[in-house]
């Protein structure tokens, strides 16, 4: 295995080694890189979704409805729970997406106090295109790893997420 080129996290680790030689920085090496990767990819995904008129948060709403399967309908509370959002935060996203004609809200036929949120045909078309563009962006980034490395990384991250779940 070839040595990897130094990155900004390596520079931070070297600085800590100079000022606190006995400090165990292994966790910093892992989580520093995860944090930086998250920011870099988050910014890339924002740029990827922008031509579709979507922020990442709006993309998440449409993608959650799409993943629900036909008829691409959930309640606002189901959406809030899936996206870990407050109902207030969800309302703002739903308002914008409804004004854009990408989803519609209608009365819940089984609960007269409830609402159902559904993708429109335009919303379905748009989210399918945006998902394809997003996956292409992520696949390009992941191409730095071979298939075995990508599978190993996915497994390790799953294990770490499971260990840190609250």
C-alpha atoms as a PDB file:
ATOM      1  CA  UNK A   1       0.000   0.000   0.000  1.00  0.00           C
ATOM      2  CA  UNK A   2       1.407   3.374  -1.030  1.00  0.00           C
ATOM      3  CA  UNK A   3       1.725   6.124   1.565  1.00  0.00           C
ATOM      4  CA  UNK A   4      -1.016   8.719   1.297  1.00  0.00           C
ATOM      5  CA  UNK A   5      -0.127  12.372   0.726  1.00  0.00           C
ATOM      6  CA  UNK A   6      -0.407  14.569   3.797  1.00  0.00           C
ATOM      7  CA  UNK A   7      -3.626  16.542   4.216  1.00  0.00           C
ATOM      8  CA  UNK A   8      -4.816  19.350   6.483  1.00  0.00           C
ATOM      9  CA  UNK A   9      -5.714  16.893   9.230  1.00  0.00           C
ATOM     10  CA  UNK A  10      -2.141  15.571   9.178  1.00  0.00           C
ATOM     11  CA  UNK A  11      -0.898  19.138   9.681  1.00  0.00           C
ATOM     12  CA  UNK A  12      -3.209  19.541  12.696  1.00  0.00           C
ATOM     13  CA  UNK A  13      -2.011  16.230  14.152  1.00  0.00           C
ATOM     14  CA  UNK A  14       1.621  17.277  13.697  1.00  0.00           C
ATOM     15  CA  UNK A  15       0.916  20.557  15.490  1.00  0.00           C
ATOM     16  CA  UNK A  16      -0.611  18.697  18.433  1.00  0.00           C
ATOM     17  CA  UNK A  17       2.345  16.301  18.502  1.00  0.00           C
ATOM     18  CA  UNK A  18       4.701  19.267  18.854  1.00  0.00           C
ATOM     19  CA  UNK A  19       2.817  20.928  21.697  1.00  0.00           C
ATOM     20  CA  UNK A  20       1.404  17.805  23.416  1.00  0.00           C
ATOM     21  CA  UNK A  21       3.639  14.862  22.423  1.00  0.00           C
ATOM     22  CA  UNK A  22       1.744  12.254  24.468  1.00  0.00           C
ATOM     23  CA  UNK A  23      -1.727  13.170  23.168  1.00  0.00           C
ATOM     24  CA  UNK A  24      -3.554  10.296  21.444  1.00  0.00           C
ATOM     25  CA  UNK A  25      -5.039  11.945  18.334  1.00  0.00           C
ATOM     26  CA  UNK A  26      -6.385   8.853  16.525  1.00  0.00           C
ATOM     27  CA  UNK A  27      -9.992   9.942  17.091  1.00  0.00           C
ATOM     28  CA  UNK A  28      -9.176  13.421  15.803  1.00  0.00           C
ATOM     29  CA  UNK A  29      -7.688  11.915  12.644  1.00  0.00           C
ATOM     30  CA  UNK A  30     -10.888   9.973  11.942  1.00  0.00           C
ATOM     31  CA  UNK A  31     -13.512  12.513  12.967  1.00  0.00           C
ATOM     32  CA  UNK A  32     -11.594  15.464  11.554  1.00  0.00           C
ATOM     33  CA  UNK A  33     -11.615  13.796   8.158  1.00  0.00           C
ATOM     34  CA  UNK A  34     -15.262  12.750   8.442  1.00  0.00           C
ATOM     35  CA  UNK A  35     -16.196  16.340   9.319  1.00  0.00           C
ATOM     36  CA  UNK A  36     -14.198  17.827   6.458  1.00  0.00           C
ATOM     37  CA  UNK A  37     -15.517  15.257   3.989  1.00  0.00           C
ATOM     38  CA  UNK A  38     -19.073  15.990   5.109  1.00  0.00           C
ATOM     39  CA  UNK A  39     -18.582  19.713   4.501  1.00  0.00           C
ATOM     40  CA  UNK A  40     -16.934  19.228   1.106  1.00  0.00           C
ATOM     41  CA  UNK A  41     -19.577  16.787  -0.114  1.00  0.00           C
ATOM     42  CA  UNK A  42     -22.399  18.855   1.382  1.00  0.00           C
ATOM     43  CA  UNK A  43     -21.228  21.861  -0.616  1.00  0.00           C
ATOM     44  CA  UNK A  44     -20.917  19.753  -3.773  1.00  0.00           C
ATOM     45  CA  UNK A  45     -24.410  18.370  -3.325  1.00  0.00           C
ATOM     46  CA  UNK A  46     -25.825  21.898  -2.827  1.00  0.00           C
ATOM     47  CA  UNK A  47     -24.238  22.902  -6.153  1.00  0.00           C
ATOM     48  CA  UNK A  48     -25.539  19.706  -7.783  1.00  0.00           C
ATOM     49  CA  UNK A  49     -29.151  20.328  -6.693  1.00  0.00           C
ATOM     50  CA  UNK A  50     -29.142  24.076  -7.408  1.00  0.00           C
ATOM     51  CA  UNK A  51     -29.897  23.721 -11.169  1.00  0.00           C
ATOM     52  CA  UNK A  52     -33.042  21.818 -10.131  1.00  0.00           C
ATOM     53  CA  UNK A  53     -34.106  24.742  -7.944  1.00  0.00           C
ATOM     54  CA  UNK A  54     -33.564  22.685  -4.797  1.00  0.00           C
ATOM     55  CA  UNK A  55     -31.603  23.074  -1.596  1.00  0.00           C
ATOM     56  CA  UNK A  56     -30.351  19.912   0.112  1.00  0.00           C
ATOM     57  CA  UNK A  57     -33.216  20.174   2.613  1.00  0.00           C
ATOM     58  CA  UNK A  58     -35.819  20.440  -0.133  1.00  0.00           C
ATOM     59  CA  UNK A  59     -34.164  17.574  -1.989  1.00  0.00           C
ATOM     60  CA  UNK A  60     -34.479  15.495   1.204  1.00  0.00           C
ATOM     61  CA  UNK A  61     -38.245  16.111   1.405  1.00  0.00           C
ATOM     62  CA  UNK A  62     -38.840  15.106  -2.222  1.00  0.00           C
ATOM     63  CA  UNK A  63     -36.490  12.109  -1.944  1.00  0.00           C
ATOM     64  CA  UNK A  64     -38.266  10.893   1.195  1.00  0.00           C
ATOM     65  CA  UNK A  65     -41.616  11.025  -0.599  1.00  0.00           C
ATOM     66  CA  UNK A  66     -40.102   9.246  -3.621  1.00  0.00           C
ATOM     67  CA  UNK A  67     -38.627   6.470  -1.469  1.00  0.00           C
ATOM     68  CA  UNK A  68     -42.024   5.925   0.147  1.00  0.00           C
ATOM     69  CA  UNK A  69     -43.158   4.357  -3.130  1.00  0.00           C
ATOM     70  CA  UNK A  70     -46.448   4.836  -4.890  1.00  0.00           C
ATOM     71  CA  UNK A  71     -48.524   6.872  -4.300  1.00  0.00           C
ATOM     72  CA  UNK A  72     -45.513   8.915  -3.005  1.00  0.00           C
ATOM     73  CA  UNK A  73     -47.517  10.182  -0.046  1.00  0.00           C
ATOM     74  CA  UNK A  74     -46.722  10.682   3.634  1.00  0.00           C
ATOM     75  CA  UNK A  75     -48.111  12.779   6.456  1.00  0.00           C
ATOM     76  CA  UNK A  76     -46.202  15.898   7.531  1.00  0.00           C
ATOM     77  CA  UNK A  77     -45.364  14.178  10.841  1.00  0.00           C
ATOM     78  CA  UNK A  78     -43.984  11.120   9.000  1.00  0.00           C
ATOM     79  CA  UNK A  79     -41.820  13.442   6.911  1.00  0.00           C
ATOM     80  CA  UNK A  80     -40.660  15.339  10.006  1.00  0.00           C
ATOM     81  CA  UNK A  81     -39.723  12.108  11.757  1.00  0.00           C
ATOM     82  CA  UNK A  82     -37.881  10.705   8.727  1.00  0.00           C
ATOM     83  CA  UNK A  83     -35.897  13.926   8.296  1.00  0.00           C
ATOM     84  CA  UNK A  84     -35.461  14.654  12.016  1.00  0.00           C
ATOM     85  CA  UNK A  85     -37.020  18.091  11.569  1.00  0.00           C
ATOM     86  CA  UNK A  86     -39.372  20.123  13.699  1.00  0.00           C
ATOM     87  CA  UNK A  87     -42.853  20.597  12.305  1.00  0.00           C
ATOM     88  CA  UNK A  88     -42.082  24.305  11.910  1.00  0.00           C
ATOM     89  CA  UNK A  89     -39.007  23.558   9.804  1.00  0.00           C
ATOM     90  CA  UNK A  90     -40.988  21.087   7.752  1.00  0.00           C
ATOM     91  CA  UNK A  91     -43.812  23.562   7.107  1.00  0.00           C
ATOM     92  CA  UNK A  92     -41.435  26.059   5.503  1.00  0.00           C
ATOM     93  CA  UNK A  93     -40.015  23.432   3.165  1.00  0.00           C
ATOM     94  CA  UNK A  94     -43.463  22.129   2.263  1.00  0.00           C
ATOM     95  CA  UNK A  95     -44.723  25.660   1.552  1.00  0.00           C
ATOM     96  CA  UNK A  96     -41.875  26.356  -0.872  1.00  0.00           C
ATOM     97  CA  UNK A  97     -42.145  22.984  -2.630  1.00  0.00           C
ATOM     98  CA  UNK A  98     -45.924  23.310  -2.934  1.00  0.00           C
ATOM     99  CA  UNK A  99     -45.595  26.818  -4.454  1.00  0.00           C
ATOM    100  CA  UNK A 100     -43.121  25.345  -6.968  1.00  0.00           C
ATOM    101  CA  UNK A 101     -45.709  22.703  -7.943  1.00  0.00           C
ATOM    102  CA  UNK A 102     -43.520  19.799  -6.793  1.00  0.00           C
ATOM    103  CA  UNK A 103     -45.873  18.480  -4.107  1.00  0.00           C
ATOM    104  CA  UNK A 104     -49.409  18.992  -2.906  1.00  0.00           C
ATOM    105  CA  UNK A 105     -51.072  18.811   0.475  1.00  0.00           C
ATOM    106  CA  UNK A 106     -54.521  17.331   0.763  1.00  0.00           C
ATOM    107  CA  UNK A 107     -56.843  16.270   3.569  1.00  0.00           C
ATOM    108  CA  UNK A 108     -56.197  12.821   5.026  1.00  0.00           C
ATOM    109  CA  UNK A 109     -59.225  10.684   4.057  1.00  0.00           C
ATOM    110  CA  UNK A 110     -58.814   8.641   7.258  1.00  0.00           C
ATOM    111  CA  UNK A 111     -58.282  11.521   9.700  1.00  0.00           C
ATOM    112  CA  UNK A 112     -60.185  14.734   9.134  1.00  0.00           C
ATOM    113  CA  UNK A 113     -57.638  16.652  11.228  1.00  0.00           C
ATOM    114  CA  UNK A 114     -54.687  15.315   9.243  1.00  0.00           C
ATOM    115  CA  UNK A 115     -52.964  16.103   5.970  1.00  0.00           C
ATOM    116  CA  UNK A 116     -51.212  14.021   3.364  1.00  0.00           C
ATOM    117  CA  UNK A 117     -48.261  15.300   1.333  1.00  0.00           C
ATOM    118  CA  UNK A 118     -47.809  13.858  -2.169  1.00  0.00           C
ATOM    119  CA  UNK A 119     -45.380  14.327  -5.019  1.00  0.00           C
ATOM    120  CA  UNK A 120     -46.849  15.847  -8.159  1.00  0.00           C
ATOM    121  CA  UNK A 121     -45.874  14.475 -11.568  1.00  0.00           C
ATOM    122  CA  UNK A 122     -43.429  17.371 -11.910  1.00  0.00           C
ATOM    123  CA  UNK A 123     -42.024  16.627  -8.445  1.00  0.00           C
ATOM    124  CA  UNK A 124     -41.542  12.974  -9.361  1.00  0.00           C
ATOM    125  CA  UNK A 125     -39.773  13.875 -12.604  1.00  0.00           C
ATOM    126  CA  UNK A 126     -37.549  16.447 -10.886  1.00  0.00           C
ATOM    127  CA  UNK A 127     -36.539  14.268  -7.944  1.00  0.00           C
ATOM    128  CA  UNK A 128     -35.622  11.381 -10.242  1.00  0.00           C
ATOM    129  CA  UNK A 129     -33.330  13.701 -12.227  1.00  0.00           C
ATOM    130  CA  UNK A 130     -31.826  15.232  -9.077  1.00  0.00           C
ATOM    131  CA  UNK A 131     -31.197  11.798  -7.518  1.00  0.00           C
ATOM    132  CA  UNK A 132     -29.354  10.692 -10.663  1.00  0.00           C
ATOM    133  CA  UNK A 133     -27.226  13.860 -10.614  1.00  0.00           C
ATOM    134  CA  UNK A 134     -26.478  13.479  -6.906  1.00  0.00           C
ATOM    135  CA  UNK A 135     -25.479   9.828  -7.238  1.00  0.00           C
ATOM    136  CA  UNK A 136     -23.207  10.715 -10.147  1.00  0.00           C
ATOM    137  CA  UNK A 137     -21.498  13.345  -7.971  1.00  0.00           C
ATOM    138  CA  UNK A 138     -21.085  10.906  -5.066  1.00  0.00           C
ATOM    139  CA  UNK A 139     -19.858   8.134  -7.370  1.00  0.00           C
ATOM    140  CA  UNK A 140     -17.241  10.462  -8.820  1.00  0.00           C
ATOM    141  CA  UNK A 141     -15.954  11.222  -5.317  1.00  0.00           C
ATOM    142  CA  UNK A 142     -16.040   7.554  -4.342  1.00  0.00           C
ATOM    143  CA  UNK A 143     -14.027   6.573  -7.421  1.00  0.00           C
ATOM    144  CA  UNK A 144     -10.903   7.380  -5.369  1.00  0.00           C
ATOM    145  CA  UNK A 145     -11.520   3.965  -3.760  1.00  0.00           C
ATOM    146  CA  UNK A 146     -11.758   0.576  -5.400  1.00  0.00           C
ATOM    147  CA  UNK A 147     -14.910  -1.496  -4.886  1.00  0.00           C
ATOM    148  CA  UNK A 148     -13.451  -3.461  -1.966  1.00  0.00           C
ATOM    149  CA  UNK A 149     -12.270  -0.289  -0.208  1.00  0.00           C
ATOM    150  CA  UNK A 150     -15.654   1.371  -0.696  1.00  0.00           C
ATOM    151  CA  UNK A 151     -17.431  -1.669   0.754  1.00  0.00           C
ATOM    152  CA  UNK A 152     -15.018  -1.794   3.687  1.00  0.00           C
ATOM    153  CA  UNK A 153     -15.454   1.924   4.375  1.00  0.00           C
ATOM    154  CA  UNK A 154     -19.243   1.620   4.259  1.00  0.00           C
ATOM    155  CA  UNK A 155     -19.089  -1.250   6.749  1.00  0.00           C
ATOM    156  CA  UNK A 156     -16.744   0.594   9.100  1.00  0.00           C
ATOM    157  CA  UNK A 157     -18.867   3.733   9.020  1.00  0.00           C
ATOM    158  CA  UNK A 158     -21.998   1.648   9.687  1.00  0.00           C
ATOM    159  CA  UNK A 159     -20.240   0.083  12.691  1.00  0.00           C
ATOM    160  CA  UNK A 160     -19.139   3.477  14.001  1.00  0.00           C
ATOM    161  CA  UNK A 161     -22.608   4.995  13.542  1.00  0.00           C
ATOM    162  CA  UNK A 162     -24.164   2.046  15.361  1.00  0.00           C
ATOM    163  CA  UNK A 163     -21.708   2.441  18.243  1.00  0.00           C
ATOM    164  CA  UNK A 164     -22.458   6.159  18.576  1.00  0.00           C
ATOM    165  CA  UNK A 165     -26.250   6.010  18.123  1.00  0.00           C
ATOM    166  CA  UNK A 166     -28.144   7.718  20.893  1.00  0.00           C
END
